Amino acid sequence: MVLSVTSGVAVWLIDRRDFQTLGDALWWALVTLATVGYGDIVPHTAWGRVVGSVVIVLGVTFLSVLTAVITSHFVSSDQTGRMEEAEVARRADEEDTRLLVREVLDRLDELERRLPPG
């Protein structure tokens, strides 16, 4: 919002011919930052286009960063869930292995007891 208002006020002060009201300038800034760009109001002066170029780059950059942050959050959440599931499975496998080894050792002990001494 701050960037939108700042851009709108800046272009209104710089290019009064194309942005006769502050409302028009704010509308243009919001639409340009959102990368919609209706084209109903456009700057024609060099300085107006400079502000417009900066606003376009910032709008695209902001949306890209926002998308990356949201995607990163989802990926991180998914990875955390998968790591927890893998840890639970690893612990279960370890317990199964321990039980199996204990069973084998018990059977060996039983076999040793049955063997004749000597």
C-alpha atoms as a PDB file:
ATOM      1  CA  MET A   1       0.000   0.000   0.000  1.00  0.00           C
ATOM      2  CA  VAL A   2       2.834   2.375   0.894  1.00  0.00           C
ATOM      3  CA  LEU A   3       4.494   1.777  -2.457  1.00  0.00           C
ATOM      4  CA  SER A   4       1.211   2.252  -4.281  1.00  0.00           C
ATOM      5  CA  VAL A   5       0.405   5.533  -2.546  1.00  0.00           C
ATOM      6  CA  THR A   6       3.975   6.808  -2.884  1.00  0.00           C
ATOM      7  CA  SER A   7       4.067   5.949  -6.573  1.00  0.00           C
ATOM      8  CA  GLY A   8       0.681   7.509  -7.173  1.00  0.00           C
ATOM      9  CA  VAL A   9       1.607  10.755  -5.442  1.00  0.00           C
ATOM     10  CA  ALA A  10       4.988  10.861  -7.233  1.00  0.00           C
ATOM     11  CA  VAL A  11       3.521  10.408 -10.693  1.00  0.00           C
ATOM     12  CA  TRP A  12       0.738  12.894  -9.915  1.00  0.00           C
ATOM     13  CA  LEU A  13       3.312  15.515  -8.923  1.00  0.00           C
ATOM     14  CA  ILE A  14       5.550  14.792 -11.923  1.00  0.00           C
ATOM     15  CA  ASP A  15       2.978  14.349 -14.698  1.00  0.00           C
ATOM     16  CA  ARG A  16      -0.078  16.539 -14.067  1.00  0.00           C
ATOM     17  CA  ARG A  17      -1.029  16.453 -17.748  1.00  0.00           C
ATOM     18  CA  ASP A  18      -1.798  12.731 -17.747  1.00  0.00           C
ATOM     19  CA  PHE A  19      -2.772  12.445 -14.066  1.00  0.00           C
ATOM     20  CA  GLN A  20      -5.062  15.380 -13.427  1.00  0.00           C
ATOM     21  CA  THR A  21      -6.395  14.053 -10.126  1.00  0.00           C
ATOM     22  CA  LEU A  22      -4.679  12.270  -7.282  1.00  0.00           C
ATOM     23  CA  GLY A  23      -7.347   9.568  -7.549  1.00  0.00           C
ATOM     24  CA  ASP A  24      -6.352   8.842 -11.149  1.00  0.00           C
ATOM     25  CA  ALA A  25      -2.702   8.637 -10.147  1.00  0.00           C
ATOM     26  CA  LEU A  26      -3.435   6.295  -7.246  1.00  0.00           C
ATOM     27  CA  TRP A  27      -5.587   4.115  -9.508  1.00  0.00           C
ATOM     28  CA  TRP A  28      -2.802   3.966 -12.093  1.00  0.00           C
ATOM     29  CA  ALA A  29      -0.201   3.076  -9.436  1.00  0.00           C
ATOM     30  CA  LEU A  30      -2.338   0.288  -7.973  1.00  0.00           C
ATOM     31  CA  VAL A  31      -3.166  -1.210 -11.372  1.00  0.00           C
ATOM     32  CA  THR A  32       0.460  -0.958 -12.494  1.00  0.00           C
ATOM     33  CA  LEU A  33       1.864  -2.504  -9.298  1.00  0.00           C
ATOM     34  CA  ALA A  34      -0.602  -5.359  -9.600  1.00  0.00           C
ATOM     35  CA  THR A  35       0.762  -5.900 -13.144  1.00  0.00           C
ATOM     36  CA  VAL A  36      -2.753  -5.630 -14.555  1.00  0.00           C
ATOM     37  CA  GLY A  37      -2.022  -2.476 -16.549  1.00  0.00           C
ATOM     38  CA  TYR A  38      -5.427  -1.593 -18.021  1.00  0.00           C
ATOM     39  CA  GLY A  39      -3.915   1.209 -20.094  1.00  0.00           C
ATOM     40  CA  ASP A  40      -6.800   3.569 -19.375  1.00  0.00           C
ATOM     41  CA  ILE A  41      -4.309   6.068 -17.919  1.00  0.00           C
ATOM     42  CA  VAL A  42      -0.658   6.134 -18.990  1.00  0.00           C
ATOM     43  CA  PRO A  43       2.193   8.565 -18.458  1.00  0.00           C
ATOM     44  CA  HIS A  44       3.463  10.365 -21.542  1.00  0.00           C
ATOM     45  CA  THR A  45       6.244  12.549 -20.116  1.00  0.00           C
ATOM     46  CA  ALA A  46       9.764  11.174 -19.735  1.00  0.00           C
ATOM     47  CA  TRP A  47       9.714  11.459 -15.941  1.00  0.00           C
ATOM     48  CA  GLY A  48       6.268   9.919 -15.773  1.00  0.00           C
ATOM     49  CA  ARG A  49       7.555   6.959 -17.760  1.00  0.00           C
ATOM     50  CA  VAL A  50      10.577   6.664 -15.468  1.00  0.00           C
ATOM     51  CA  VAL A  51       8.250   6.426 -12.473  1.00  0.00           C
ATOM     52  CA  GLY A  52       6.083   3.995 -14.420  1.00  0.00           C
ATOM     53  CA  SER A  53       9.065   1.803 -15.251  1.00  0.00           C
ATOM     54  CA  VAL A  54      10.132   1.690 -11.612  1.00  0.00           C
ATOM     55  CA  VAL A  55       6.587   0.863 -10.529  1.00  0.00           C
ATOM     56  CA  ILE A  56       6.350  -1.954 -13.086  1.00  0.00           C
ATOM     57  CA  VAL A  57       9.663  -3.490 -11.999  1.00  0.00           C
ATOM     58  CA  LEU A  58       8.733  -3.209  -8.326  1.00  0.00           C
ATOM     59  CA  GLY A  59       5.301  -4.722  -8.954  1.00  0.00           C
ATOM     60  CA  VAL A  60       6.699  -7.724 -10.809  1.00  0.00           C
ATOM     61  CA  THR A  61       9.453  -8.133  -8.208  1.00  0.00           C
ATOM     62  CA  PHE A  62       6.996  -7.938  -5.326  1.00  0.00           C
ATOM     63  CA  LEU A  63       4.681 -10.530  -6.854  1.00  0.00           C
ATOM     64  CA  SER A  64       7.629 -12.817  -7.601  1.00  0.00           C
ATOM     65  CA  VAL A  65       8.961 -12.578  -4.062  1.00  0.00           C
ATOM     66  CA  LEU A  66       5.492 -13.075  -2.595  1.00  0.00           C
ATOM     67  CA  THR A  67       4.958 -16.169  -4.726  1.00  0.00           C
ATOM     68  CA  ALA A  68       8.383 -17.525  -3.744  1.00  0.00           C
ATOM     69  CA  VAL A  69       7.720 -16.984  -0.025  1.00  0.00           C
ATOM     70  CA  ILE A  70       4.343 -18.723  -0.154  1.00  0.00           C
ATOM     71  CA  THR A  71       5.728 -21.610  -2.215  1.00  0.00           C
ATOM     72  CA  SER A  72       8.704 -21.950   0.130  1.00  0.00           C
ATOM     73  CA  HIS A  73       6.344 -22.161   3.098  1.00  0.00           C
ATOM     74  CA  PHE A  74       4.316 -24.956   1.499  1.00  0.00           C
ATOM     75  CA  VAL A  75       7.426 -26.882   0.440  1.00  0.00           C
ATOM     76  CA  SER A  76       8.942 -26.512   3.901  1.00  0.00           C
ATOM     77  CA  SER A  77       5.756 -27.730   5.566  1.00  0.00           C
ATOM     78  CA  ASP A  78       5.617 -30.710   3.232  1.00  0.00           C
ATOM     79  CA  GLN A  79       9.279 -31.567   3.840  1.00  0.00           C
ATOM     80  CA  THR A  80       8.821 -31.332   7.605  1.00  0.00           C
ATOM     81  CA  GLY A  81       5.852 -33.704   7.427  1.00  0.00           C
ATOM     82  CA  ARG A  82       7.757 -36.161   5.273  1.00  0.00           C
ATOM     83  CA  MET A  83      10.779 -36.059   7.564  1.00  0.00           C
ATOM     84  CA  GLU A  84       8.579 -36.779  10.581  1.00  0.00           C
ATOM     85  CA  GLU A  85       6.949 -39.703   8.763  1.00  0.00           C
ATOM     86  CA  ALA A  86      10.357 -41.046   7.757  1.00  0.00           C
ATOM     87  CA  GLU A  87      11.599 -40.790  11.352  1.00  0.00           C
ATOM     88  CA  VAL A  88       8.568 -42.706  12.640  1.00  0.00           C
ATOM     89  CA  ALA A  89       9.107 -45.393   9.987  1.00  0.00           C
ATOM     90  CA  ARG A  90      12.834 -45.590  10.818  1.00  0.00           C
ATOM     91  CA  ARG A  91      12.098 -46.062  14.513  1.00  0.00           C
ATOM     92  CA  ALA A  92       9.532 -48.748  13.732  1.00  0.00           C
ATOM     93  CA  ASP A  93      12.062 -50.527  11.514  1.00  0.00           C
ATOM     94  CA  GLU A  94      14.674 -50.341  14.284  1.00  0.00           C
ATOM     95  CA  GLU A  95      12.226 -51.824  16.772  1.00  0.00           C
ATOM     96  CA  ASP A  96      11.297 -54.612  14.321  1.00  0.00           C
ATOM     97  CA  THR A  97      15.005 -55.357  13.819  1.00  0.00           C
ATOM     98  CA  ARG A  98      15.639 -55.452  17.569  1.00  0.00           C
ATOM     99  CA  LEU A  99      12.739 -57.863  18.069  1.00  0.00           C
ATOM    100  CA  LEU A 100      13.969 -60.077  15.245  1.00  0.00           C
ATOM    101  CA  VAL A 101      17.537 -60.144  16.612  1.00  0.00           C
ATOM    102  CA  ARG A 102      16.197 -60.911  20.109  1.00  0.00           C
ATOM    103  CA  GLU A 103      14.126 -63.783  18.661  1.00  0.00           C
ATOM    104  CA  VAL A 104      17.144 -65.194  16.803  1.00  0.00           C
ATOM    105  CA  LEU A 105      19.305 -64.958  19.942  1.00  0.00           C
ATOM    106  CA  ASP A 106      16.634 -66.672  22.020  1.00  0.00           C
ATOM    107  CA  ARG A 107      16.412 -69.491  19.487  1.00  0.00           C
ATOM    108  CA  LEU A 108      20.205 -69.852  19.487  1.00  0.00           C
ATOM    109  CA  ASP A 109      20.204 -70.014  23.283  1.00  0.00           C
ATOM    110  CA  GLU A 110      17.540 -72.727  23.124  1.00  0.00           C
ATOM    111  CA  LEU A 111      19.574 -74.695  20.589  1.00  0.00           C
ATOM    112  CA  GLU A 112      22.707 -74.403  22.738  1.00  0.00           C
ATOM    113  CA  ARG A 113      20.797 -75.711  25.743  1.00  0.00           C
ATOM    114  CA  ARG A 114      19.642 -78.750  23.774  1.00  0.00           C
ATOM    115  CA  LEU A 115      23.146 -79.684  22.622  1.00  0.00           C
ATOM    116  CA  PRO A 116      24.894 -82.329  24.680  1.00  0.00           C
ATOM    117  CA  PRO A 117      27.651 -80.979  26.905  1.00  0.00           C
ATOM    118  CA  GLY A 118      31.149 -81.357  25.797  1.00  0.00           C
END
